[in-house]
Amino acid sequence: MKQVLDIPYKEQRGYVAGNDIFDFALQAFRDHYAPDVYIASLIMRKMAHNLCELRSGDEPKNGAAAVATFKLAGMDNLPDGYLVETEQPVTTRIPYPEEDMLIGAEIEGETIRQGQVSDFSSIEEIVALTKALHNSVLPLDSGKWIFIRTDLSGRLDQAPTPFTIRIVNKLGGRATVSDILADGAPVGRIHFGVYTS
């Protein structure tokens, strides 16, 4: 499987957002394999600024470094997936009112609880909550907190909401691991790291 993902930029960002990589790749994998396939693990390897090609069942070719790697679940014998950057520029932008996902969210200690469910995807909600939590309890003098990895035990689109994010490990002030809970039950973990341009 090889497919270029036409992922737009969000707002004024100059890079392809990790939550969009998750959503666009998930849809492509489901279209190719089966509707029950889900991403069990996504690791962001580097920032992408151009359109990216999703590949499964083969290693990135011609010396191209993987932007992201995927492990899939939901059916037997699924290959790993990879995303490599192309030379094709991103030509579209979409609005992204991230603050809408934070309406009514509450931070207590190193935990954030979603206030109300939005019309955004589950991974967009989780990333927005995690970012807001980090900016509140782990503010940075320089750089910004970004989504770098998630490991999931099942389909996010079938997880009960609201979501809760709880920081469980801080790695040298530059990376974290947080539990993802859906209606109080653990469904996976999300990793954030500090990005400096």
N, C-alpha and C. Protein backbone atom coordinates (compact mmCIF):
# COMPACT_ATOMS: atom_id res chain seq x y z
N MET A 1 0.83 -1.19 0.00
CA MET A 1 0.00 0.00 0.00
C MET A 1 0.88 1.25 0.00
N LYS A 2 0.61 2.14 -0.92
CA LYS A 2 1.27 3.44 -0.96
C LYS A 2 0.21 4.47 -1.30
N GLN A 3 0.13 5.51 -0.49
CA GLN A 3 -0.89 6.52 -0.72
C GLN A 3 -0.42 7.86 -0.17
N VAL A 4 -0.45 8.89 -1.02
CA VAL A 4 -0.13 10.22 -0.55
C VAL A 4 -1.33 10.75 0.23
N LEU A 5 -1.08 11.25 1.43
CA LEU A 5 -2.14 11.80 2.27
C LEU A 5 -2.18 13.31 2.08
N ASP A 6 -3.31 13.82 1.65
CA ASP A 6 -3.46 15.25 1.38
C ASP A 6 -3.87 15.96 2.67
N ILE A 7 -2.93 16.07 3.60
CA ILE A 7 -3.19 16.66 4.90
C ILE A 7 -2.93 18.17 4.83
N PRO A 8 -3.93 18.99 5.18
CA PRO A 8 -3.71 20.43 5.16
C PRO A 8 -2.98 20.90 6.42
N TYR A 9 -2.45 22.11 6.37
CA TYR A 9 -1.95 22.76 7.57
C TYR A 9 -3.14 23.25 8.40
N LYS A 10 -2.95 23.28 9.71
CA LYS A 10 -3.97 23.85 10.60
C LYS A 10 -3.59 25.29 10.93
N GLU A 11 -4.56 26.21 10.72
CA GLU A 11 -4.35 27.62 11.04
C GLU A 11 -3.04 28.12 10.44
N GLN A 12 -2.18 28.71 11.28
CA GLN A 12 -0.92 29.29 10.80
C GLN A 12 0.28 28.35 10.97
N ARG A 13 0.03 27.10 11.33
CA ARG A 13 1.14 26.17 11.51
C ARG A 13 1.86 25.94 10.17
N GLY A 14 3.15 25.72 10.24
CA GLY A 14 3.94 25.46 9.04
C GLY A 14 4.43 24.03 8.99
N TYR A 15 3.72 23.13 9.66
CA TYR A 15 4.07 21.71 9.68
C TYR A 15 2.79 20.89 9.68
N VAL A 16 2.92 19.63 9.34
CA VAL A 16 1.78 18.71 9.34
C VAL A 16 1.58 18.22 10.77
N ALA A 17 0.40 18.43 11.32
CA ALA A 17 0.12 18.11 12.72
C ALA A 17 0.03 16.60 12.94
N GLY A 18 0.58 16.16 14.08
CA GLY A 18 0.57 14.74 14.41
C GLY A 18 -0.82 14.15 14.54
N ASN A 19 -1.77 14.93 15.07
CA ASN A 19 -3.13 14.38 15.20
C ASN A 19 -3.77 14.20 13.82
N ASP A 20 -3.42 15.04 12.85
CA ASP A 20 -3.91 14.84 11.49
C ASP A 20 -3.26 13.63 10.84
N ILE A 21 -1.97 13.43 11.10
CA ILE A 21 -1.31 12.23 10.59
C ILE A 21 -2.04 11.00 11.10
N PHE A 22 -2.37 10.99 12.39
CA PHE A 22 -3.11 9.87 12.97
C PHE A 22 -4.44 9.66 12.25
N ASP A 23 -5.25 10.72 12.14
CA ASP A 23 -6.59 10.58 11.57
C ASP A 23 -6.57 10.21 10.09
N PHE A 24 -5.72 10.87 9.30
CA PHE A 24 -5.67 10.57 7.86
C PHE A 24 -5.12 9.17 7.61
N ALA A 25 -4.08 8.78 8.35
CA ALA A 25 -3.52 7.44 8.17
C ALA A 25 -4.52 6.38 8.60
N LEU A 26 -5.22 6.62 9.72
CA LEU A 26 -6.21 5.65 10.18
C LEU A 26 -7.28 5.42 9.12
N GLN A 27 -7.78 6.49 8.51
CA GLN A 27 -8.79 6.32 7.47
C GLN A 27 -8.24 5.56 6.28
N ALA A 28 -7.01 5.85 5.89
CA ALA A 28 -6.40 5.13 4.75
C ALA A 28 -6.21 3.65 5.07
N PHE A 29 -5.75 3.34 6.29
CA PHE A 29 -5.59 1.94 6.68
C PHE A 29 -6.94 1.22 6.69
N ARG A 30 -7.96 1.87 7.20
CA ARG A 30 -9.30 1.24 7.23
C ARG A 30 -9.84 1.03 5.82
N ASP A 31 -9.64 2.00 4.95
CA ASP A 31 -10.10 1.85 3.57
C ASP A 31 -9.38 0.70 2.88
N HIS A 32 -8.10 0.51 3.19
CA HIS A 32 -7.30 -0.52 2.53
C HIS A 32 -7.52 -1.92 3.13
N TYR A 33 -7.61 -2.01 4.45
CA TYR A 33 -7.69 -3.32 5.12
C TYR A 33 -9.10 -3.68 5.57
N ALA A 34 -9.62 -2.98 6.55
CA ALA A 34 -10.94 -3.29 7.09
C ALA A 34 -11.36 -2.17 8.05
N PRO A 35 -12.66 -1.95 8.22
CA PRO A 35 -13.14 -0.88 9.09
C PRO A 35 -12.77 -1.05 10.57
N ASP A 36 -12.43 -2.26 11.01
CA ASP A 36 -12.11 -2.49 12.42
C ASP A 36 -10.64 -2.26 12.75
N VAL A 37 -9.81 -1.98 11.76
CA VAL A 37 -8.39 -1.74 12.00
C VAL A 37 -8.24 -0.46 12.82
N TYR A 38 -7.31 -0.49 13.76
CA TYR A 38 -7.00 0.73 14.50
C TYR A 38 -5.49 0.86 14.68
N ILE A 39 -5.06 2.08 14.99
CA ILE A 39 -3.65 2.34 15.23
C ILE A 39 -3.36 2.03 16.70
N ALA A 40 -2.55 1.00 16.93
CA ALA A 40 -2.17 0.63 18.30
C ALA A 40 -0.98 1.46 18.78
N SER A 41 -0.16 1.93 17.83
CA SER A 41 0.99 2.75 18.20
C SER A 41 1.34 3.67 17.04
N LEU A 42 1.57 4.93 17.36
CA LEU A 42 2.07 5.92 16.41
C LEU A 42 3.25 6.61 17.07
N ILE A 43 4.38 6.60 16.39
CA ILE A 43 5.58 7.31 16.88
C ILE A 43 5.96 8.34 15.83
N MET A 44 5.99 9.60 16.24
CA MET A 44 6.42 10.68 15.36
C MET A 44 7.94 10.72 15.39
N ARG A 45 8.57 10.61 14.24
CA ARG A 45 10.03 10.56 14.15
C ARG A 45 10.66 11.91 13.81
N LYS A 46 9.93 12.74 13.06
CA LYS A 46 10.43 14.07 12.70
C LYS A 46 9.26 14.90 12.22
N MET A 47 9.48 16.21 12.15
CA MET A 47 8.45 17.12 11.64
C MET A 47 8.35 16.97 10.12
N ALA A 48 7.13 17.07 9.61
CA ALA A 48 6.90 17.07 8.16
C ALA A 48 6.36 18.43 7.75
N HIS A 49 6.87 18.95 6.65
CA HIS A 49 6.43 20.25 6.15
C HIS A 49 5.79 20.14 4.77
N ASN A 50 5.91 18.97 4.15
CA ASN A 50 5.31 18.71 2.85
C ASN A 50 4.27 17.60 2.98
N LEU A 51 3.59 17.31 1.85
CA LEU A 51 2.68 16.17 1.84
C LEU A 51 3.48 14.91 2.12
N CYS A 52 2.81 13.91 2.70
CA CYS A 52 3.48 12.67 3.07
C CYS A 52 2.82 11.47 2.42
N GLU A 53 3.65 10.45 2.16
CA GLU A 53 3.15 9.21 1.57
C GLU A 53 3.11 8.13 2.64
N LEU A 54 1.95 7.51 2.78
CA LEU A 54 1.76 6.41 3.71
C LEU A 54 2.11 5.11 3.01
N ARG A 55 2.91 4.28 3.69
CA ARG A 55 3.32 2.99 3.13
C ARG A 55 3.10 1.91 4.17
N SER A 56 2.74 0.75 3.71
CA SER A 56 2.65 -0.40 4.61
C SER A 56 3.34 -1.58 3.95
N GLY A 57 3.90 -2.44 4.79
CA GLY A 57 4.49 -3.66 4.28
C GLY A 57 5.84 -3.49 3.63
N ASP A 58 6.40 -2.29 3.63
CA ASP A 58 7.73 -2.10 3.09
C ASP A 58 8.45 -1.01 3.89
N GLU A 59 9.75 -1.04 3.84
CA GLU A 59 10.55 -0.02 4.52
C GLU A 59 10.58 1.23 3.65
N PRO A 60 10.75 2.41 4.26
CA PRO A 60 10.93 3.61 3.44
C PRO A 60 12.12 3.44 2.50
N LYS A 61 11.95 3.81 1.24
CA LYS A 61 12.95 3.58 0.21
C LYS A 61 13.76 4.84 -0.11
N ASN A 62 14.83 4.67 -0.86
CA ASN A 62 15.66 5.75 -1.38
C ASN A 62 16.21 6.66 -0.30
N GLY A 63 16.51 6.10 0.83
CA GLY A 63 17.12 6.89 1.90
C GLY A 63 16.17 7.82 2.62
N ALA A 64 14.89 7.78 2.32
CA ALA A 64 13.92 8.66 2.98
C ALA A 64 13.75 8.23 4.43
N ALA A 65 13.82 9.20 5.31
CA ALA A 65 13.62 8.92 6.74
C ALA A 65 12.13 8.93 7.04
N ALA A 66 11.71 8.04 7.91
CA ALA A 66 10.30 7.97 8.28
C ALA A 66 9.92 9.19 9.11
N VAL A 67 8.83 9.83 8.72
CA VAL A 67 8.24 10.91 9.52
C VAL A 67 7.54 10.30 10.72
N ALA A 68 6.88 9.16 10.50
CA ALA A 68 6.13 8.47 11.56
C ALA A 68 6.12 6.98 11.27
N THR A 69 5.98 6.19 12.32
CA THR A 69 5.82 4.75 12.18
C THR A 69 4.56 4.33 12.92
N PHE A 70 3.91 3.30 12.40
CA PHE A 70 2.64 2.83 12.94
C PHE A 70 2.70 1.33 13.22
N LYS A 71 2.02 0.91 14.28
CA LYS A 71 1.69 -0.49 14.49
C LYS A 71 0.17 -0.56 14.48
N LEU A 72 -0.34 -1.52 13.72
CA LEU A 72 -1.78 -1.65 13.55
C LEU A 72 -2.32 -2.84 14.31
N ALA A 73 -3.60 -2.81 14.63
CA ALA A 73 -4.28 -3.91 15.31
C ALA A 73 -5.73 -3.95 14.81
N GLY A 74 -6.44 -4.98 15.22
CA GLY A 74 -7.84 -5.11 14.84
C GLY A 74 -8.11 -6.26 13.90
N MET A 75 -7.05 -6.84 13.33
CA MET A 75 -7.16 -8.06 12.53
C MET A 75 -5.77 -8.70 12.47
N ASP A 76 -5.72 -9.96 12.07
CA ASP A 76 -4.46 -10.70 12.05
C ASP A 76 -3.57 -10.29 10.88
N ASN A 77 -2.26 -10.46 11.08
CA ASN A 77 -1.25 -10.32 10.02
C ASN A 77 -1.19 -8.94 9.38
N LEU A 78 -1.39 -7.90 10.17
CA LEU A 78 -1.27 -6.55 9.63
C LEU A 78 0.20 -6.13 9.63
N PRO A 79 0.68 -5.57 8.54
CA PRO A 79 2.06 -5.09 8.53
C PRO A 79 2.17 -3.77 9.30
N ASP A 80 3.40 -3.40 9.62
CA ASP A 80 3.63 -2.07 10.19
C ASP A 80 3.40 -1.03 9.09
N GLY A 81 3.23 0.21 9.49
CA GLY A 81 3.05 1.29 8.53
C GLY A 81 4.12 2.35 8.72
N TYR A 82 4.37 3.11 7.66
CA TYR A 82 5.38 4.16 7.68
C TYR A 82 4.84 5.37 6.93
N LEU A 83 5.33 6.52 7.28
CA LEU A 83 4.98 7.74 6.58
C LEU A 83 6.29 8.42 6.20
N VAL A 84 6.43 8.76 4.91
CA VAL A 84 7.63 9.46 4.44
C VAL A 84 7.20 10.76 3.77
N GLU A 85 8.04 11.76 3.90
CA GLU A 85 7.75 13.08 3.33
C GLU A 85 8.06 13.09 1.83
N THR A 86 7.18 13.72 1.05
CA THR A 86 7.40 13.88 -0.38
C THR A 86 7.96 15.28 -0.65
N GLU A 87 8.17 15.59 -1.91
CA GLU A 87 8.61 16.93 -2.30
C GLU A 87 7.42 17.84 -2.59
N GLN A 88 6.21 17.29 -2.54
CA GLN A 88 5.01 18.07 -2.86
C GLN A 88 4.63 18.97 -1.69
N PRO A 89 4.46 20.27 -1.92
CA PRO A 89 4.12 21.18 -0.83
C PRO A 89 2.67 21.02 -0.37
N VAL A 90 2.43 21.37 0.88
CA VAL A 90 1.07 21.48 1.39
C VAL A 90 0.51 22.79 0.87
N THR A 91 -0.66 22.75 0.25
CA THR A 91 -1.20 23.96 -0.40
C THR A 91 -2.49 24.46 0.24
N THR A 92 -3.00 23.77 1.25
CA THR A 92 -4.25 24.20 1.87
C THR A 92 -4.08 24.37 3.38
N ARG A 93 -4.92 25.25 3.91
CA ARG A 93 -4.99 25.48 5.36
C ARG A 93 -6.44 25.39 5.79
N ILE A 94 -6.64 24.93 7.02
CA ILE A 94 -7.99 24.86 7.56
C ILE A 94 -8.04 25.58 8.91
N PRO A 95 -9.21 26.10 9.27
CA PRO A 95 -9.34 26.68 10.61
C PRO A 95 -9.24 25.59 11.66
N TYR A 96 -8.76 25.95 12.83
CA TYR A 96 -8.61 24.97 13.90
C TYR A 96 -8.81 25.66 15.25
N PRO A 97 -10.08 25.85 15.65
CA PRO A 97 -10.37 26.50 16.92
C PRO A 97 -10.13 25.56 18.10
N GLU A 98 -8.86 25.35 18.40
CA GLU A 98 -8.44 24.40 19.43
C GLU A 98 -9.10 24.68 20.78
N GLU A 99 -9.34 25.96 21.06
CA GLU A 99 -9.94 26.34 22.34
C GLU A 99 -11.34 25.76 22.53
N ASP A 100 -12.04 25.45 21.43
CA ASP A 100 -13.38 24.85 21.53
C ASP A 100 -13.34 23.49 22.22
N MET A 101 -12.21 22.79 22.11
CA MET A 101 -12.09 21.47 22.73
C MET A 101 -11.81 21.58 24.23
N LEU A 102 -11.52 22.78 24.70
CA LEU A 102 -11.14 22.97 26.10
C LEU A 102 -12.25 23.59 26.94
N ILE A 103 -13.41 23.83 26.33
CA ILE A 103 -14.51 24.44 27.06
C ILE A 103 -14.90 23.55 28.24
N GLY A 104 -14.85 24.13 29.42
CA GLY A 104 -15.24 23.40 30.63
C GLY A 104 -14.20 22.43 31.16
N ALA A 105 -13.02 22.34 30.51
CA ALA A 105 -11.98 21.42 31.00
C ALA A 105 -11.47 21.91 32.35
N GLU A 106 -11.13 20.96 33.22
CA GLU A 106 -10.66 21.29 34.56
C GLU A 106 -9.31 20.64 34.81
N ILE A 107 -8.36 21.44 35.32
CA ILE A 107 -7.03 20.95 35.67
C ILE A 107 -6.94 20.87 37.18
N GLU A 108 -6.52 19.70 37.65
CA GLU A 108 -6.28 19.50 39.08
C GLU A 108 -4.96 18.74 39.22
N GLY A 109 -3.97 19.39 39.83
CA GLY A 109 -2.65 18.78 39.90
C GLY A 109 -2.10 18.58 38.50
N GLU A 110 -1.72 17.35 38.19
CA GLU A 110 -1.18 17.03 36.86
C GLU A 110 -2.19 16.22 36.03
N THR A 111 -3.46 16.55 36.21
CA THR A 111 -4.56 15.88 35.51
C THR A 111 -5.49 16.92 34.91
N ILE A 112 -5.96 16.64 33.69
CA ILE A 112 -6.98 17.49 33.06
C ILE A 112 -8.15 16.60 32.69
N ARG A 113 -9.36 17.10 32.98
CA ARG A 113 -10.59 16.40 32.64
C ARG A 113 -11.36 17.21 31.60
N GLN A 114 -11.76 16.53 30.56
CA GLN A 114 -12.52 17.18 29.49
C GLN A 114 -13.85 17.67 30.04
N GLY A 115 -14.24 18.89 29.64
CA GLY A 115 -15.50 19.44 30.10
C GLY A 115 -16.67 18.96 29.28
N GLN A 116 -16.58 19.14 27.97
CA GLN A 116 -17.65 18.68 27.10
C GLN A 116 -17.04 18.09 25.83
N VAL A 117 -17.74 17.15 25.27
CA VAL A 117 -17.29 16.50 24.04
C VAL A 117 -17.52 17.46 22.88
N SER A 118 -16.54 17.54 21.98
CA SER A 118 -16.62 18.46 20.84
C SER A 118 -16.91 17.67 19.56
N ASP A 119 -16.93 18.41 18.46
CA ASP A 119 -17.12 17.77 17.15
C ASP A 119 -15.79 17.35 16.52
N PHE A 120 -14.69 17.52 17.25
CA PHE A 120 -13.38 17.13 16.75
C PHE A 120 -13.15 15.63 16.96
N SER A 121 -12.13 15.10 16.31
CA SER A 121 -11.83 13.68 16.48
C SER A 121 -11.29 13.41 17.88
N SER A 122 -11.33 12.16 18.29
CA SER A 122 -10.85 11.79 19.62
C SER A 122 -9.39 12.16 19.80
N ILE A 123 -8.55 11.90 18.80
CA ILE A 123 -7.12 12.21 18.95
C ILE A 123 -6.90 13.71 19.01
N GLU A 124 -7.69 14.49 18.27
CA GLU A 124 -7.58 15.95 18.37
C GLU A 124 -7.92 16.42 19.78
N GLU A 125 -8.98 15.86 20.36
CA GLU A 125 -9.36 16.22 21.73
C GLU A 125 -8.26 15.85 22.72
N ILE A 126 -7.72 14.66 22.58
CA ILE A 126 -6.68 14.17 23.50
C ILE A 126 -5.43 15.04 23.41
N VAL A 127 -5.01 15.36 22.19
CA VAL A 127 -3.82 16.19 22.01
C VAL A 127 -4.07 17.59 22.56
N ALA A 128 -5.23 18.17 22.30
CA ALA A 128 -5.53 19.52 22.81
C ALA A 128 -5.54 19.54 24.33
N LEU A 129 -6.14 18.53 24.95
CA LEU A 129 -6.17 18.45 26.42
C LEU A 129 -4.76 18.31 26.98
N THR A 130 -3.97 17.43 26.36
CA THR A 130 -2.60 17.20 26.84
C THR A 130 -1.75 18.46 26.70
N LYS A 131 -1.90 19.15 25.58
CA LYS A 131 -1.16 20.40 25.36
C LYS A 131 -1.54 21.44 26.41
N ALA A 132 -2.84 21.60 26.67
CA ALA A 132 -3.30 22.58 27.66
C ALA A 132 -2.77 22.24 29.04
N LEU A 133 -2.77 20.95 29.39
CA LEU A 133 -2.24 20.52 30.68
C LEU A 133 -0.76 20.85 30.80
N HIS A 134 0.00 20.53 29.78
CA HIS A 134 1.44 20.80 29.81
C HIS A 134 1.74 22.30 29.90
N ASN A 135 1.03 23.09 29.11
CA ASN A 135 1.25 24.53 29.14
C ASN A 135 0.90 25.14 30.50
N SER A 136 -0.02 24.49 31.21
CA SER A 136 -0.42 24.98 32.52
C SER A 136 0.54 24.56 33.63
N VAL A 137 0.89 23.28 33.67
CA VAL A 137 1.67 22.77 34.80
C VAL A 137 3.16 22.63 34.51
N LEU A 138 3.55 22.64 33.23
CA LEU A 138 4.96 22.52 32.85
C LEU A 138 5.30 23.60 31.82
N PRO A 139 5.12 24.89 32.18
CA PRO A 139 5.38 25.95 31.20
C PRO A 139 6.84 25.97 30.78
N LEU A 140 7.07 26.40 29.53
CA LEU A 140 8.42 26.42 28.96
C LEU A 140 8.90 27.85 28.77
N ASP A 141 10.21 28.06 28.95
CA ASP A 141 10.81 29.35 28.64
C ASP A 141 11.03 29.49 27.14
N SER A 142 11.32 28.37 26.48
CA SER A 142 11.49 28.39 25.02
C SER A 142 11.02 27.06 24.47
N GLY A 143 10.64 27.08 23.20
CA GLY A 143 10.12 25.88 22.56
C GLY A 143 8.65 25.70 22.87
N LYS A 144 8.11 24.55 22.44
CA LYS A 144 6.71 24.25 22.71
C LYS A 144 6.52 22.76 22.86
N TRP A 145 5.49 22.41 23.62
CA TRP A 145 5.14 21.00 23.81
C TRP A 145 4.41 20.49 22.58
N ILE A 146 4.86 19.32 22.08
CA ILE A 146 4.20 18.71 20.92
C ILE A 146 3.96 17.22 21.18
N PHE A 147 2.99 16.71 20.46
CA PHE A 147 2.62 15.29 20.48
C PHE A 147 3.68 14.49 19.73
N ILE A 148 4.25 13.46 20.40
CA ILE A 148 5.30 12.67 19.73
C ILE A 148 5.00 11.17 19.66
N ARG A 149 4.03 10.70 20.45
CA ARG A 149 3.76 9.26 20.42
C ARG A 149 2.45 8.96 21.13
N THR A 150 1.78 7.90 20.67
CA THR A 150 0.66 7.35 21.43
C THR A 150 0.66 5.83 21.29
N ASP A 151 0.26 5.17 22.35
CA ASP A 151 0.08 3.72 22.38
C ASP A 151 -1.33 3.47 22.91
N LEU A 152 -2.13 2.71 22.15
CA LEU A 152 -3.54 2.54 22.48
C LEU A 152 -3.91 1.08 22.60
N SER A 153 -4.87 0.82 23.47
CA SER A 153 -5.32 -0.56 23.69
C SER A 153 -6.56 -0.91 22.88
N GLY A 154 -7.12 0.06 22.19
CA GLY A 154 -8.32 -0.19 21.39
C GLY A 154 -8.64 1.01 20.54
N ARG A 155 -9.81 0.97 19.90
CA ARG A 155 -10.24 2.03 19.00
C ARG A 155 -10.66 3.26 19.79
N LEU A 156 -10.04 4.39 19.50
CA LEU A 156 -10.42 5.64 20.16
C LEU A 156 -11.83 6.08 19.80
N ASP A 157 -12.23 5.82 18.55
CA ASP A 157 -13.56 6.27 18.12
C ASP A 157 -14.68 5.48 18.78
N GLN A 158 -14.36 4.41 19.49
CA GLN A 158 -15.36 3.66 20.24
C GLN A 158 -15.19 3.83 21.75
N ALA A 159 -14.23 4.65 22.16
CA ALA A 159 -13.99 4.86 23.59
C ALA A 159 -15.07 5.79 24.14
N PRO A 160 -15.56 5.48 25.34
CA PRO A 160 -16.54 6.39 25.95
C PRO A 160 -15.85 7.70 26.35
N THR A 161 -16.56 8.80 26.22
CA THR A 161 -16.00 10.09 26.61
C THR A 161 -16.73 10.57 27.85
N PRO A 162 -16.24 11.49 28.58
CA PRO A 162 -15.14 12.39 28.28
C PRO A 162 -13.78 11.77 28.59
N PHE A 163 -12.74 12.43 28.04
CA PHE A 163 -11.37 11.98 28.26
C PHE A 163 -10.75 12.68 29.46
N THR A 164 -9.83 11.97 30.10
CA THR A 164 -9.00 12.52 31.16
C THR A 164 -7.56 12.20 30.82
N ILE A 165 -6.68 13.17 31.00
CA ILE A 165 -5.25 12.98 30.76
C ILE A 165 -4.52 13.21 32.07
N ARG A 166 -3.64 12.28 32.43
CA ARG A 166 -2.89 12.37 33.69
C ARG A 166 -1.41 12.12 33.43
N ILE A 167 -0.57 13.12 33.72
CA ILE A 167 0.88 12.95 33.56
C ILE A 167 1.37 11.92 34.57
N VAL A 168 2.07 10.89 34.09
CA VAL A 168 2.56 9.84 34.99
C VAL A 168 4.07 9.75 35.04
N ASN A 169 4.76 10.39 34.08
CA ASN A 169 6.22 10.33 34.07
C ASN A 169 6.76 11.57 33.37
N LYS A 170 7.74 12.22 34.02
CA LYS A 170 8.42 13.38 33.43
C LYS A 170 9.86 12.97 33.20
N LEU A 171 10.31 13.14 31.97
CA LEU A 171 11.63 12.69 31.58
C LEU A 171 12.54 13.89 31.34
N GLY A 172 13.22 14.34 32.38
CA GLY A 172 14.20 15.41 32.27
C GLY A 172 13.67 16.75 31.85
N GLY A 173 12.41 17.02 32.06
CA GLY A 173 11.83 18.30 31.70
C GLY A 173 11.65 18.52 30.21
N ARG A 174 11.96 17.50 29.39
CA ARG A 174 11.88 17.63 27.93
C ARG A 174 10.88 16.67 27.31
N ALA A 175 10.38 15.72 28.09
CA ALA A 175 9.42 14.74 27.57
C ALA A 175 8.57 14.23 28.72
N THR A 176 7.36 13.79 28.37
CA THR A 176 6.45 13.25 29.38
C THR A 176 5.71 12.04 28.82
N VAL A 177 5.17 11.26 29.74
CA VAL A 177 4.25 10.18 29.41
C VAL A 177 2.99 10.43 30.23
N SER A 178 1.84 10.35 29.58
CA SER A 178 0.57 10.58 30.27
C SER A 178 -0.41 9.45 29.96
N ASP A 179 -1.19 9.09 30.98
CA ASP A 179 -2.28 8.13 30.79
C ASP A 179 -3.44 8.82 30.09
N ILE A 180 -4.10 8.08 29.21
CA ILE A 180 -5.35 8.52 28.59
C ILE A 180 -6.45 7.67 29.21
N LEU A 181 -7.43 8.32 29.81
CA LEU A 181 -8.57 7.61 30.37
C LEU A 181 -9.83 8.06 29.64
N ALA A 182 -10.71 7.11 29.34
CA ALA A 182 -11.98 7.41 28.70
C ALA A 182 -13.07 7.01 29.68
N ASP A 183 -13.82 8.00 30.13
CA ASP A 183 -14.85 7.78 31.15
C ASP A 183 -14.26 7.04 32.36
N GLY A 184 -13.02 7.38 32.70
CA GLY A 184 -12.35 6.83 33.88
C GLY A 184 -11.56 5.56 33.66
N ALA A 185 -11.69 4.93 32.50
CA ALA A 185 -10.99 3.66 32.22
C ALA A 185 -9.78 3.92 31.32
N PRO A 186 -8.62 3.30 31.62
CA PRO A 186 -7.43 3.52 30.78
C PRO A 186 -7.60 2.95 29.38
N VAL A 187 -7.22 3.76 28.38
CA VAL A 187 -7.29 3.31 26.98
C VAL A 187 -5.96 3.45 26.27
N GLY A 188 -4.96 4.03 26.95
CA GLY A 188 -3.66 4.15 26.32
C GLY A 188 -2.81 5.21 26.98
N ARG A 189 -1.74 5.57 26.30
CA ARG A 189 -0.82 6.60 26.78
C ARG A 189 -0.47 7.54 25.64
N ILE A 190 -0.12 8.77 26.01
CA ILE A 190 0.32 9.77 25.05
C ILE A 190 1.63 10.36 25.55
N HIS A 191 2.56 10.54 24.64
CA HIS A 191 3.87 11.11 24.95
C HIS A 191 3.98 12.49 24.33
N PHE A 192 4.49 13.44 25.09
CA PHE A 192 4.75 14.79 24.57
C PHE A 192 6.23 15.07 24.73
N GLY A 193 6.76 15.92 23.86
CA GLY A 193 8.14 16.35 23.95
C GLY A 193 8.27 17.82 23.62
N VAL A 194 9.41 18.39 23.94
CA VAL A 194 9.66 19.79 23.67
C VAL A 194 10.28 19.94 22.28
N TYR A 195 9.68 20.81 21.48
CA TYR A 195 10.18 21.09 20.14
C TYR A 195 10.71 22.52 20.11
N THR A 196 11.94 22.66 19.66
CA THR A 196 12.51 23.98 19.45
C THR A 196 12.92 24.09 17.98
N SER A 197 12.49 25.15 17.32
CA SER A 197 12.78 25.28 15.88
C SER A 197 14.12 25.94 15.65
